[in-house]
N, C-alpha and C. Protein backbone atom coordinates (compact mmCIF):
# COMPACT_ATOMS: atom_id res chain seq x y z
N MET A 1 -116.19 51.58 151.35
CA MET A 1 -116.00 52.70 152.30
C MET A 1 -114.52 53.23 152.18
N ILE A 2 -113.53 52.40 152.06
CA ILE A 2 -112.15 52.77 151.97
C ILE A 2 -111.93 53.55 150.72
N GLU A 3 -112.61 53.13 149.64
CA GLU A 3 -112.46 53.86 148.37
C GLU A 3 -113.06 55.23 148.47
N ASN A 4 -114.14 55.42 149.22
CA ASN A 4 -114.75 56.73 149.39
C ASN A 4 -113.82 57.63 150.20
N LEU A 5 -113.14 57.06 151.18
CA LEU A 5 -112.21 57.86 152.01
C LEU A 5 -110.98 58.28 151.14
N LYS A 6 -110.53 57.39 150.28
CA LYS A 6 -109.39 57.73 149.40
C LYS A 6 -109.79 58.86 148.42
N GLN A 7 -111.01 58.74 147.88
CA GLN A 7 -111.50 59.79 146.98
C GLN A 7 -111.68 61.12 147.70
N TRP A 8 -112.20 61.07 148.92
CA TRP A 8 -112.30 62.27 149.70
C TRP A 8 -110.97 62.94 149.94
N ALA A 9 -110.00 62.11 150.33
CA ALA A 9 -108.59 62.64 150.60
C ALA A 9 -108.05 63.27 149.29
N ARG A 10 -108.28 62.59 148.14
CA ARG A 10 -107.78 63.17 146.87
C ARG A 10 -108.45 64.51 146.60
N SER A 11 -109.76 64.61 146.89
CA SER A 11 -110.46 65.87 146.62
C SER A 11 -109.92 66.95 147.54
N ILE A 12 -109.58 66.68 148.75
CA ILE A 12 -109.02 67.65 149.68
C ILE A 12 -107.67 68.14 149.13
N LYS A 13 -106.85 67.17 148.68
CA LYS A 13 -105.54 67.55 148.12
C LYS A 13 -105.70 68.39 146.82
N ARG A 14 -106.67 67.95 145.96
CA ARG A 14 -106.95 68.72 144.74
C ARG A 14 -107.41 70.11 145.07
N ASP A 15 -108.33 70.28 146.01
CA ASP A 15 -108.81 71.58 146.32
C ASP A 15 -107.78 72.48 146.97
N ALA A 16 -106.90 71.89 147.75
CA ALA A 16 -105.78 72.67 148.32
C ALA A 16 -104.89 73.22 147.22
N HIS A 17 -104.56 72.37 146.25
CA HIS A 17 -103.78 72.81 145.11
C HIS A 17 -104.56 73.86 144.33
N ALA A 18 -105.86 73.65 144.14
CA ALA A 18 -106.71 74.60 143.42
C ALA A 18 -106.70 75.96 144.12
N LEU A 19 -106.74 75.92 145.45
CA LEU A 19 -106.70 77.15 146.21
C LEU A 19 -105.36 77.96 145.90
N TYR A 20 -104.30 77.21 145.91
CA TYR A 20 -102.98 77.86 145.61
C TYR A 20 -103.06 78.47 144.21
N LEU A 21 -103.61 77.75 143.26
CA LEU A 21 -103.62 78.23 141.86
C LEU A 21 -104.59 79.44 141.77
N ALA A 22 -105.76 79.32 142.46
CA ALA A 22 -106.69 80.46 142.46
C ALA A 22 -106.10 81.71 143.10
N ALA A 23 -105.24 81.54 144.10
CA ALA A 23 -104.65 82.69 144.75
C ALA A 23 -103.71 83.41 143.81
N ARG A 24 -103.21 82.73 142.83
CA ARG A 24 -102.28 83.40 141.85
C ARG A 24 -103.06 84.02 140.68
N HIS A 25 -104.38 83.77 140.63
CA HIS A 25 -105.20 84.27 139.52
C HIS A 25 -105.46 85.78 139.73
N PRO A 26 -105.31 86.60 138.68
CA PRO A 26 -105.43 88.03 138.87
C PRO A 26 -106.84 88.51 139.22
N GLN A 27 -107.87 87.76 138.90
CA GLN A 27 -109.23 88.17 139.20
C GLN A 27 -109.70 87.69 140.63
N THR A 28 -108.89 87.01 141.34
CA THR A 28 -109.24 86.60 142.69
C THR A 28 -109.15 87.80 143.62
N PRO A 29 -110.18 88.06 144.42
CA PRO A 29 -110.11 89.19 145.40
C PRO A 29 -108.92 89.11 146.31
N TRP A 30 -108.36 90.22 146.75
CA TRP A 30 -107.19 90.22 147.57
C TRP A 30 -107.34 89.48 148.87
N TYR A 31 -108.51 89.62 149.53
CA TYR A 31 -108.71 88.95 150.80
C TYR A 31 -108.84 87.44 150.62
N ALA A 32 -109.38 87.01 149.52
CA ALA A 32 -109.43 85.57 149.20
C ALA A 32 -108.04 85.04 148.89
N LYS A 33 -107.19 85.85 148.21
CA LYS A 33 -105.85 85.43 147.87
C LYS A 33 -105.07 85.12 149.20
N GLY A 34 -105.19 86.01 150.12
CA GLY A 34 -104.43 85.84 151.43
C GLY A 34 -104.87 84.60 152.14
N LEU A 35 -106.21 84.39 152.27
CA LEU A 35 -106.71 83.20 152.95
C LEU A 35 -106.38 81.94 152.16
N ALA A 36 -106.48 82.02 150.84
CA ALA A 36 -106.16 80.85 150.00
C ALA A 36 -104.75 80.41 150.18
N ILE A 37 -103.85 81.38 150.18
CA ILE A 37 -102.39 81.05 150.33
C ILE A 37 -102.16 80.47 151.75
N ALA A 38 -102.82 81.00 152.75
CA ALA A 38 -102.63 80.52 154.17
C ALA A 38 -103.17 79.09 154.28
N VAL A 39 -104.31 78.81 153.72
CA VAL A 39 -104.93 77.46 153.82
C VAL A 39 -104.12 76.42 153.01
N ALA A 40 -103.70 76.85 151.78
CA ALA A 40 -102.90 75.94 150.97
C ALA A 40 -101.56 75.65 151.63
N ALA A 41 -100.92 76.69 152.20
CA ALA A 41 -99.67 76.49 152.89
C ALA A 41 -99.78 75.56 154.09
N TYR A 42 -100.88 75.69 154.79
CA TYR A 42 -101.11 74.81 155.96
C TYR A 42 -101.39 73.38 155.46
N ALA A 43 -102.14 73.23 154.38
CA ALA A 43 -102.49 71.89 153.87
C ALA A 43 -101.25 71.14 153.43
N PHE A 44 -100.26 71.80 152.86
CA PHE A 44 -99.08 71.19 152.39
C PHE A 44 -97.90 71.21 153.35
N SER A 45 -98.10 71.87 154.46
CA SER A 45 -97.03 71.94 155.50
C SER A 45 -96.98 70.71 156.37
N PRO A 46 -95.80 70.25 156.71
CA PRO A 46 -95.72 69.06 157.62
C PRO A 46 -96.00 69.44 159.06
N ILE A 47 -96.09 70.72 159.37
CA ILE A 47 -96.36 71.21 160.75
C ILE A 47 -97.88 71.39 160.94
N ASP A 48 -98.43 70.77 161.98
CA ASP A 48 -99.83 70.85 162.26
C ASP A 48 -100.11 71.70 163.53
N ILE A 49 -101.29 72.22 163.59
CA ILE A 49 -101.76 72.91 164.79
C ILE A 49 -101.91 71.89 165.94
N ILE A 50 -102.48 70.79 165.67
CA ILE A 50 -102.56 69.66 166.63
C ILE A 50 -101.70 68.56 166.17
N PRO A 51 -100.63 68.22 166.90
CA PRO A 51 -99.73 67.19 166.48
C PRO A 51 -100.41 65.84 166.24
N ASP A 52 -100.00 65.09 165.21
CA ASP A 52 -100.67 63.85 164.84
C ASP A 52 -100.50 62.76 165.88
N PHE A 53 -99.46 62.85 166.71
CA PHE A 53 -99.25 61.76 167.68
C PHE A 53 -100.20 61.81 168.85
N ILE A 54 -100.97 62.86 168.99
CA ILE A 54 -101.94 62.90 170.07
C ILE A 54 -103.16 62.02 169.64
N PRO A 55 -103.48 61.07 170.48
CA PRO A 55 -104.58 60.09 170.06
C PRO A 55 -105.88 60.83 169.78
N ILE A 56 -106.52 60.39 168.79
CA ILE A 56 -107.86 60.80 168.32
C ILE A 56 -107.87 62.26 167.82
N ILE A 57 -107.57 63.21 168.67
CA ILE A 57 -107.65 64.65 168.24
C ILE A 57 -106.50 65.04 167.38
N GLY A 58 -105.47 64.21 167.31
CA GLY A 58 -104.27 64.53 166.51
C GLY A 58 -104.55 64.68 165.02
N LEU A 59 -105.50 63.93 164.53
CA LEU A 59 -105.90 63.98 163.13
C LEU A 59 -107.07 64.89 162.89
N LEU A 60 -107.53 65.58 163.90
CA LEU A 60 -108.67 66.49 163.83
C LEU A 60 -108.43 67.58 162.81
N ASP A 61 -107.28 68.16 162.78
CA ASP A 61 -107.09 69.31 161.87
C ASP A 61 -107.15 68.78 160.41
N GLU A 62 -106.62 67.62 160.10
CA GLU A 62 -106.69 67.13 158.71
C GLU A 62 -108.08 66.61 158.34
N ALA A 63 -108.74 66.05 159.32
CA ALA A 63 -110.07 65.45 159.00
C ALA A 63 -111.22 66.46 159.08
N LEU A 64 -111.10 67.48 159.84
CA LEU A 64 -112.24 68.42 160.07
C LEU A 64 -111.87 69.87 159.80
N LEU A 65 -110.84 70.36 160.46
CA LEU A 65 -110.50 71.78 160.31
C LEU A 65 -110.04 72.16 158.93
N LEU A 66 -109.18 71.40 158.27
CA LEU A 66 -108.64 71.73 156.96
C LEU A 66 -109.78 71.70 155.91
N PRO A 67 -110.65 70.65 155.85
CA PRO A 67 -111.73 70.67 154.85
C PRO A 67 -112.67 71.87 155.11
N LEU A 68 -112.99 72.22 156.32
CA LEU A 68 -113.84 73.36 156.63
C LEU A 68 -113.19 74.66 156.16
N ALA A 69 -111.87 74.79 156.32
CA ALA A 69 -111.17 75.99 155.87
C ALA A 69 -111.19 76.05 154.39
N ILE A 70 -110.93 74.95 153.68
CA ILE A 70 -110.94 74.95 152.24
C ILE A 70 -112.31 75.34 151.72
N VAL A 71 -113.37 74.74 152.25
CA VAL A 71 -114.73 75.09 151.81
C VAL A 71 -115.05 76.54 152.04
N GLY A 72 -114.61 77.06 153.23
CA GLY A 72 -114.85 78.50 153.48
C GLY A 72 -114.13 79.42 152.50
N VAL A 73 -112.91 79.10 152.15
CA VAL A 73 -112.17 79.97 151.19
C VAL A 73 -112.68 79.82 149.79
N LEU A 74 -113.08 78.60 149.44
CA LEU A 74 -113.68 78.33 148.11
C LEU A 74 -114.91 79.25 147.89
N LYS A 75 -115.60 79.51 148.89
CA LYS A 75 -116.84 80.36 148.81
C LYS A 75 -116.54 81.79 148.51
N LEU A 76 -115.29 82.21 148.83
CA LEU A 76 -114.84 83.62 148.60
C LEU A 76 -114.36 83.83 147.18
N ILE A 77 -114.08 82.79 146.46
CA ILE A 77 -113.47 82.89 145.13
C ILE A 77 -114.53 82.64 144.10
N PRO A 78 -114.58 83.45 143.02
CA PRO A 78 -115.54 83.24 141.95
C PRO A 78 -115.52 81.79 141.40
N ALA A 79 -116.72 81.30 141.05
CA ALA A 79 -116.85 79.87 140.61
C ALA A 79 -116.04 79.57 139.38
N ASP A 80 -115.97 80.48 138.44
CA ASP A 80 -115.20 80.21 137.20
C ASP A 80 -113.74 80.04 137.47
N ILE A 81 -113.22 80.86 138.41
CA ILE A 81 -111.78 80.67 138.80
C ILE A 81 -111.52 79.37 139.51
N ILE A 82 -112.43 78.95 140.34
CA ILE A 82 -112.30 77.71 141.01
C ILE A 82 -112.37 76.54 140.05
N ALA A 83 -113.26 76.61 139.10
CA ALA A 83 -113.41 75.52 138.09
C ALA A 83 -112.13 75.43 137.28
N GLU A 84 -111.59 76.55 136.89
CA GLU A 84 -110.34 76.58 136.08
C GLU A 84 -109.17 76.04 136.92
N SER A 85 -109.08 76.45 138.18
CA SER A 85 -108.04 76.01 139.05
C SER A 85 -108.09 74.50 139.35
N ARG A 86 -109.34 73.99 139.62
CA ARG A 86 -109.49 72.59 139.79
C ARG A 86 -109.08 71.76 138.61
N ALA A 87 -109.44 72.23 137.40
CA ALA A 87 -109.04 71.51 136.18
C ALA A 87 -107.50 71.46 135.99
N ILE A 88 -106.86 72.57 136.33
CA ILE A 88 -105.39 72.59 136.28
C ILE A 88 -104.84 71.67 137.37
N ALA A 89 -105.36 71.67 138.53
CA ALA A 89 -104.90 70.81 139.61
C ALA A 89 -105.06 69.29 139.22
N VAL A 90 -106.13 68.96 138.64
CA VAL A 90 -106.41 67.58 138.24
C VAL A 90 -105.38 67.16 137.19
N ARG A 91 -105.14 68.04 136.19
CA ARG A 91 -104.15 67.70 135.18
C ARG A 91 -102.76 67.57 135.78
N ALA A 92 -102.41 68.44 136.73
CA ALA A 92 -101.10 68.40 137.34
C ALA A 92 -100.92 67.09 138.17
N ALA A 93 -101.98 66.66 138.85
CA ALA A 93 -101.92 65.44 139.64
C ALA A 93 -101.81 64.21 138.70
N ALA A 94 -102.50 64.24 137.59
CA ALA A 94 -102.42 63.13 136.67
C ALA A 94 -101.04 63.00 135.97
N ALA A 95 -100.44 64.16 135.79
CA ALA A 95 -99.12 64.17 135.10
C ALA A 95 -98.00 63.85 136.07
N GLN A 96 -98.24 63.95 137.36
CA GLN A 96 -97.17 63.72 138.34
C GLN A 96 -96.88 62.24 138.47
N PRO A 97 -95.61 61.89 138.17
CA PRO A 97 -95.26 60.46 138.20
C PRO A 97 -95.11 60.00 139.66
N VAL A 98 -95.36 58.71 139.86
CA VAL A 98 -95.18 58.13 141.20
C VAL A 98 -93.88 57.34 141.16
N SER A 99 -92.98 57.65 142.05
CA SER A 99 -91.69 56.98 142.08
C SER A 99 -91.58 56.13 143.36
N TRP A 100 -91.71 54.83 143.14
CA TRP A 100 -91.64 53.88 144.29
C TRP A 100 -90.17 53.88 144.77
N ALA A 101 -89.26 54.08 143.88
CA ALA A 101 -87.81 54.04 144.29
C ALA A 101 -87.52 55.22 145.22
N ALA A 102 -88.08 56.39 144.87
CA ALA A 102 -87.88 57.58 145.76
C ALA A 102 -88.60 57.37 147.09
N ALA A 103 -89.79 56.80 147.08
CA ALA A 103 -90.54 56.50 148.30
C ALA A 103 -89.76 55.54 149.16
N GLY A 104 -89.17 54.50 148.52
CA GLY A 104 -88.38 53.51 149.29
C GLY A 104 -87.15 54.16 149.86
N PHE A 105 -86.47 55.01 149.10
CA PHE A 105 -85.27 55.73 149.57
C PHE A 105 -85.61 56.61 150.81
N ILE A 106 -86.69 57.32 150.71
CA ILE A 106 -87.11 58.22 151.79
C ILE A 106 -87.45 57.41 153.07
N ALA A 107 -88.16 56.29 152.89
CA ALA A 107 -88.52 55.39 153.99
C ALA A 107 -87.25 54.83 154.66
N THR A 108 -86.30 54.42 153.78
CA THR A 108 -84.99 53.90 154.30
C THR A 108 -84.28 54.95 155.10
N VAL A 109 -84.21 56.17 154.62
CA VAL A 109 -83.50 57.24 155.35
C VAL A 109 -84.14 57.47 156.68
N TRP A 110 -85.53 57.50 156.71
CA TRP A 110 -86.23 57.70 157.98
C TRP A 110 -85.99 56.51 158.92
N GLY A 111 -86.02 55.33 158.37
CA GLY A 111 -85.75 54.14 159.16
C GLY A 111 -84.39 54.18 159.85
N VAL A 112 -83.37 54.49 159.01
CA VAL A 112 -82.00 54.60 159.52
C VAL A 112 -81.93 55.67 160.55
N ALA A 113 -82.57 56.79 160.33
CA ALA A 113 -82.54 57.91 161.36
C ALA A 113 -83.20 57.47 162.67
N ILE A 114 -84.29 56.77 162.58
CA ILE A 114 -84.99 56.33 163.76
C ILE A 114 -84.16 55.29 164.54
N VAL A 115 -83.66 54.31 163.84
CA VAL A 115 -82.83 53.26 164.45
C VAL A 115 -81.55 53.86 165.07
N GLY A 116 -80.94 54.80 164.29
CA GLY A 116 -79.72 55.44 164.83
C GLY A 116 -79.98 56.25 166.06
N THR A 117 -81.10 56.97 166.04
CA THR A 117 -81.42 57.80 167.22
C THR A 117 -81.73 56.90 168.44
N ALA A 118 -82.45 55.79 168.18
CA ALA A 118 -82.75 54.82 169.30
C ALA A 118 -81.40 54.22 169.83
N TRP A 119 -80.49 53.88 168.94
CA TRP A 119 -79.28 53.28 169.36
C TRP A 119 -78.42 54.29 170.18
N LEU A 120 -78.36 55.53 169.67
CA LEU A 120 -77.58 56.57 170.42
C LEU A 120 -78.19 56.88 171.77
N THR A 121 -79.53 56.93 171.83
CA THR A 121 -80.19 57.16 173.07
C THR A 121 -79.96 56.03 174.06
N LEU A 122 -80.05 54.78 173.57
CA LEU A 122 -79.80 53.65 174.43
C LEU A 122 -78.34 53.67 174.93
N LYS A 123 -77.43 53.95 174.04
CA LYS A 123 -75.96 53.97 174.41
C LYS A 123 -75.75 55.08 175.43
N TRP A 124 -76.37 56.22 175.24
CA TRP A 124 -76.20 57.35 176.15
C TRP A 124 -76.81 56.99 177.52
N SER A 125 -78.05 56.43 177.56
CA SER A 125 -78.68 56.14 178.83
C SER A 125 -77.90 55.01 179.58
N VAL A 126 -77.36 54.03 178.87
CA VAL A 126 -76.58 52.96 179.57
C VAL A 126 -75.27 53.60 180.09
N GLY A 127 -74.64 54.50 179.36
CA GLY A 127 -73.47 55.21 179.86
C GLY A 127 -73.74 56.02 181.14
N LEU A 128 -74.93 56.63 181.25
CA LEU A 128 -75.30 57.31 182.48
C LEU A 128 -75.49 56.38 183.61
N LEU A 129 -76.07 55.22 183.38
CA LEU A 129 -76.28 54.23 184.42
C LEU A 129 -74.99 53.69 184.99
N GLN A 130 -73.97 53.60 184.13
CA GLN A 130 -72.70 52.97 184.57
C GLN A 130 -71.86 53.97 185.34
N GLN A 131 -72.15 55.24 185.30
CA GLN A 131 -71.36 56.20 186.06
C GLN A 131 -71.68 56.24 187.48
């Protein structure tokens, strides 16, 4: 089951990239280009309509709304353009290296930022209590 979820998530990411590529194709209709760019931008944006920290419904946009939007826009684009865009997206994903060092660095920066913010907040709140 976990492998199926991972594959589903990869297909969503692949199709979002394929939408971006299809939007740049000259034979894609103008209305499909606009929707494809909007959906691809939302898919890769860190900002969500429903914030992820809200229990249960926080992941609703990634689990339900985004796949529905992708499927809807894919229906507006000719099948040959989608097939070509998917093939390019798959090759790009396979060629993309995974850097565990970079991931570790980013996680460390976030960890330091969170701990620093917590420390400053605690120091500030204790200072207010002492006044």
